[in-house]
């Protein structure tokens, strides 16, 4: 059994990335894993953006607000074995709510590095070339965090309901394989 944290950015209900996340969650729970899910896109009024202040010349520190990220998300994230990121493609990048949560990793950099694995669940419209910058972002983020990518679902053609259903099934099966 793994401790899994799912961070989803979409505010759309039911959006295409949410469908991928829902399917993964269902599979992972059926496989007996402990799971915590944070839908940032629907909870943006509960947390602040990263706020940095100069501690002394050349040294920034986060002025950490006492909000849902600090009180709920970070304790779960610090204890997690696996982190799942769910986002639709937004102007060649991730959703801003999910990015705001990732930016809040700043105060926990040292504690978060290593000892976790990651999965990405991405959806959107267009061919796979449109997703190159988003995939590069996740590659670089995960390399920096030292979290190996152990699975992914990319629904580049999520406008097509038949193809989206195949990607949703793949996300479900990905969740079922986690032990």
Protein backbone atom coordinates (compact mmCIF):
# COMPACT_ATOMS: atom_id res chain seq x y z
CA UNK A 1 0.00 0.00 0.00
CA UNK A 2 1.23 3.47 -0.91
CA UNK A 3 0.33 6.87 0.45
CA UNK A 4 -0.78 8.86 -2.58
CA UNK A 5 -1.38 12.60 -2.91
CA UNK A 6 -3.32 13.73 -5.98
CA UNK A 7 -3.03 17.41 -6.89
CA UNK A 8 -5.54 18.48 -9.53
CA UNK A 9 -5.75 21.94 -11.04
CA UNK A 10 -8.88 22.05 -13.15
CA UNK A 11 -11.83 24.23 -12.15
CA UNK A 12 -14.03 22.45 -14.75
CA UNK A 13 -16.55 19.93 -13.47
CA UNK A 14 -16.60 17.46 -15.05
CA UNK A 15 -13.57 18.42 -17.09
CA UNK A 16 -11.35 16.11 -19.09
CA UNK A 17 -8.42 16.18 -16.68
CA UNK A 18 -10.86 15.64 -13.80
CA UNK A 19 -12.11 12.51 -15.57
CA UNK A 20 -8.54 11.20 -15.75
CA UNK A 21 -8.00 12.01 -12.07
CA UNK A 22 -11.33 10.42 -11.05
CA UNK A 23 -10.45 7.22 -12.89
CA UNK A 24 -6.94 7.05 -11.41
CA UNK A 25 -8.31 7.66 -7.89
CA UNK A 26 -10.90 4.91 -8.31
CA UNK A 27 -8.25 2.42 -9.46
CA UNK A 28 -5.75 3.38 -6.75
CA UNK A 29 -8.34 3.04 -3.98
CA UNK A 30 -9.50 -0.32 -5.36
CA UNK A 31 -5.86 -1.44 -5.24
CA UNK A 32 -5.84 -0.71 -1.49
CA UNK A 33 -3.84 2.51 -1.39
CA UNK A 34 -4.29 5.40 1.02
CA UNK A 35 -5.20 8.48 -1.00
CA UNK A 36 -5.57 12.21 -0.39
CA UNK A 37 -6.90 14.43 -3.18
CA UNK A 38 -6.67 18.20 -3.40
CA UNK A 39 -8.69 19.86 -6.17
CA UNK A 40 -6.88 23.22 -6.28
CA UNK A 41 -8.98 24.57 -9.13
CA UNK A 42 -12.10 24.43 -6.98
CA UNK A 43 -10.45 25.61 -3.76
CA UNK A 44 -8.46 28.68 -4.88
CA UNK A 45 -10.24 30.87 -2.33
CA UNK A 46 -8.76 28.73 0.48
CA UNK A 47 -5.06 29.40 -0.18
CA UNK A 48 -2.63 32.17 -1.03
CA UNK A 49 -0.02 32.51 -3.72
CA UNK A 50 3.60 32.21 -2.69
CA UNK A 51 4.81 35.36 -0.97
CA UNK A 52 8.57 35.89 -0.68
CA UNK A 53 10.36 38.41 1.48
CA UNK A 54 14.06 39.24 1.65
CA UNK A 55 15.48 37.81 4.85
CA UNK A 56 18.78 39.50 4.09
CA UNK A 57 20.54 40.46 0.90
CA UNK A 58 20.26 37.64 -1.65
CA UNK A 59 18.23 35.39 0.65
CA UNK A 60 14.49 35.07 0.13
CA UNK A 61 12.19 33.22 2.48
CA UNK A 62 8.56 32.37 2.05
CA UNK A 63 6.11 34.25 4.20
CA UNK A 64 3.94 31.22 4.72
CA UNK A 65 0.27 31.92 5.28
CA UNK A 66 -1.68 29.71 7.66
CA UNK A 67 -4.04 28.23 5.09
CA UNK A 68 -5.20 24.93 3.59
CA UNK A 69 -1.85 24.33 1.85
CA UNK A 70 0.07 24.58 5.12
CA UNK A 71 -2.49 22.85 7.32
CA UNK A 72 -3.85 20.14 5.03
CA UNK A 73 -1.88 19.64 1.82
CA UNK A 74 1.74 19.82 3.00
CA UNK A 75 1.46 17.31 5.85
CA UNK A 76 -0.06 14.79 3.42
CA UNK A 77 2.51 15.62 0.74
CA UNK A 78 5.45 15.24 3.12
CA UNK A 79 4.21 11.77 4.12
CA UNK A 80 3.39 10.66 0.55
CA UNK A 81 5.11 7.91 -1.41
CA UNK A 82 3.54 8.97 -4.72
CA UNK A 83 2.45 12.38 -6.03
CA UNK A 84 -0.03 12.59 -8.92
CA UNK A 85 -0.42 15.81 -10.91
CA UNK A 86 -3.61 16.33 -12.92
CA UNK A 87 -3.96 19.25 -15.32
CA UNK A 88 -5.37 20.26 -18.64
CA UNK A 89 -3.18 22.12 -21.10
CA UNK A 90 -3.51 25.88 -20.50
CA UNK A 91 -1.60 27.99 -23.04
CA UNK A 92 1.13 25.34 -23.28
CA UNK A 93 1.46 24.98 -19.50
CA UNK A 94 -0.33 23.77 -16.41
CA UNK A 95 -3.40 25.26 -14.81
CA UNK A 96 -2.64 28.29 -12.64
CA UNK A 97 -4.25 26.84 -9.50
CA UNK A 98 -2.03 23.76 -9.68
CA UNK A 99 1.00 25.97 -10.35
CA UNK A 100 0.18 28.03 -7.25
CA UNK A 101 0.19 24.85 -5.14
CA UNK A 102 3.50 23.71 -6.65
CA UNK A 103 5.00 27.14 -5.97
CA UNK A 104 4.16 26.63 -2.31
CA UNK A 105 6.60 23.66 -2.24
CA UNK A 106 9.25 26.39 -1.78
CA UNK A 107 9.32 26.32 2.03
CA UNK A 108 9.47 22.52 2.03
CA UNK A 109 12.10 22.02 -0.68
CA UNK A 110 14.56 20.04 1.41
CA UNK A 111 11.92 17.84 3.01
CA UNK A 112 10.21 17.13 -0.32
CA UNK A 113 13.31 16.22 -2.35
CA UNK A 114 13.59 12.52 -3.12
CA UNK A 115 11.79 9.53 -1.60
CA UNK A 116 8.68 9.98 -3.76
CA UNK A 117 7.50 8.90 -7.19
CA UNK A 118 5.24 10.83 -9.55
CA UNK A 119 2.53 10.35 -12.14
CA UNK A 120 1.15 12.95 -14.55
CA UNK A 121 -2.41 12.99 -15.89
CA UNK A 122 -2.76 15.55 -18.66
CA UNK A 123 -5.58 16.36 -21.06
CA UNK A 124 -6.35 18.93 -23.69
CA UNK A 125 -7.08 19.62 -27.30
CA UNK A 126 -4.57 19.38 -30.12
CA UNK A 127 -1.88 17.07 -31.32
CA UNK A 128 0.88 15.80 -29.05
CA UNK A 129 3.27 18.55 -30.22
CA UNK A 130 1.13 21.09 -28.38
CA UNK A 131 2.00 19.31 -25.11
CA UNK A 132 5.79 19.39 -25.44
CA UNK A 133 6.30 22.42 -23.19
CA UNK A 134 3.95 21.01 -20.54
CA UNK A 135 5.73 17.66 -20.56
CA UNK A 136 9.08 19.46 -20.39
CA UNK A 137 7.83 21.42 -17.38
CA UNK A 138 6.94 18.21 -15.55
CA UNK A 139 10.20 16.54 -16.61
CA UNK A 140 12.22 19.44 -15.18
CA UNK A 141 10.10 19.75 -12.03
CA UNK A 142 10.35 16.04 -11.29
CA UNK A 143 14.06 15.96 -12.01
CA UNK A 144 14.55 18.88 -9.61
CA UNK A 145 12.40 17.20 -6.93
CA UNK A 146 14.19 13.87 -7.56
CA UNK A 147 10.85 12.14 -8.06
CA UNK A 148 10.97 9.54 -10.84
CA UNK A 149 8.03 9.57 -13.26
CA UNK A 150 6.49 6.10 -12.91
CA UNK A 151 3.44 6.60 -15.10
CA UNK A 152 1.48 9.05 -17.16
CA UNK A 153 -1.67 9.50 -19.19
CA UNK A 154 -1.70 12.07 -21.97
CA UNK A 155 -5.11 12.68 -23.51
CA UNK A 156 -4.03 15.05 -26.27
CA UNK A 157 -7.20 14.26 -28.18
CA UNK A 158 -9.64 14.69 -25.30
CA UNK A 159 -12.18 16.42 -27.54
CA UNK A 160 -12.87 12.98 -29.04
CA UNK A 161 -15.13 11.18 -26.55
CA UNK A 162 -14.19 7.69 -27.74
CA UNK A 163 -10.47 8.44 -27.41
CA UNK A 164 -10.99 10.21 -24.08
CA UNK A 165 -12.73 7.07 -22.79
CA UNK A 166 -9.62 5.07 -23.72
CA UNK A 167 -7.40 7.52 -21.81
CA UNK A 168 -9.76 7.42 -18.81
CA UNK A 169 -9.51 3.62 -18.82
CA UNK A 170 -5.71 3.87 -19.04
CA UNK A 171 -5.68 6.23 -16.01
CA UNK A 172 -7.89 3.77 -14.11
CA UNK A 173 -5.54 0.89 -14.93
CA UNK A 174 -2.57 3.03 -13.91
CA UNK A 175 -4.20 3.52 -10.51
CA UNK A 176 -4.95 -0.21 -10.19
CA UNK A 177 -1.25 -1.05 -10.68
CA UNK A 178 -0.08 1.04 -7.73
CA UNK A 179 0.74 -1.07 -4.66
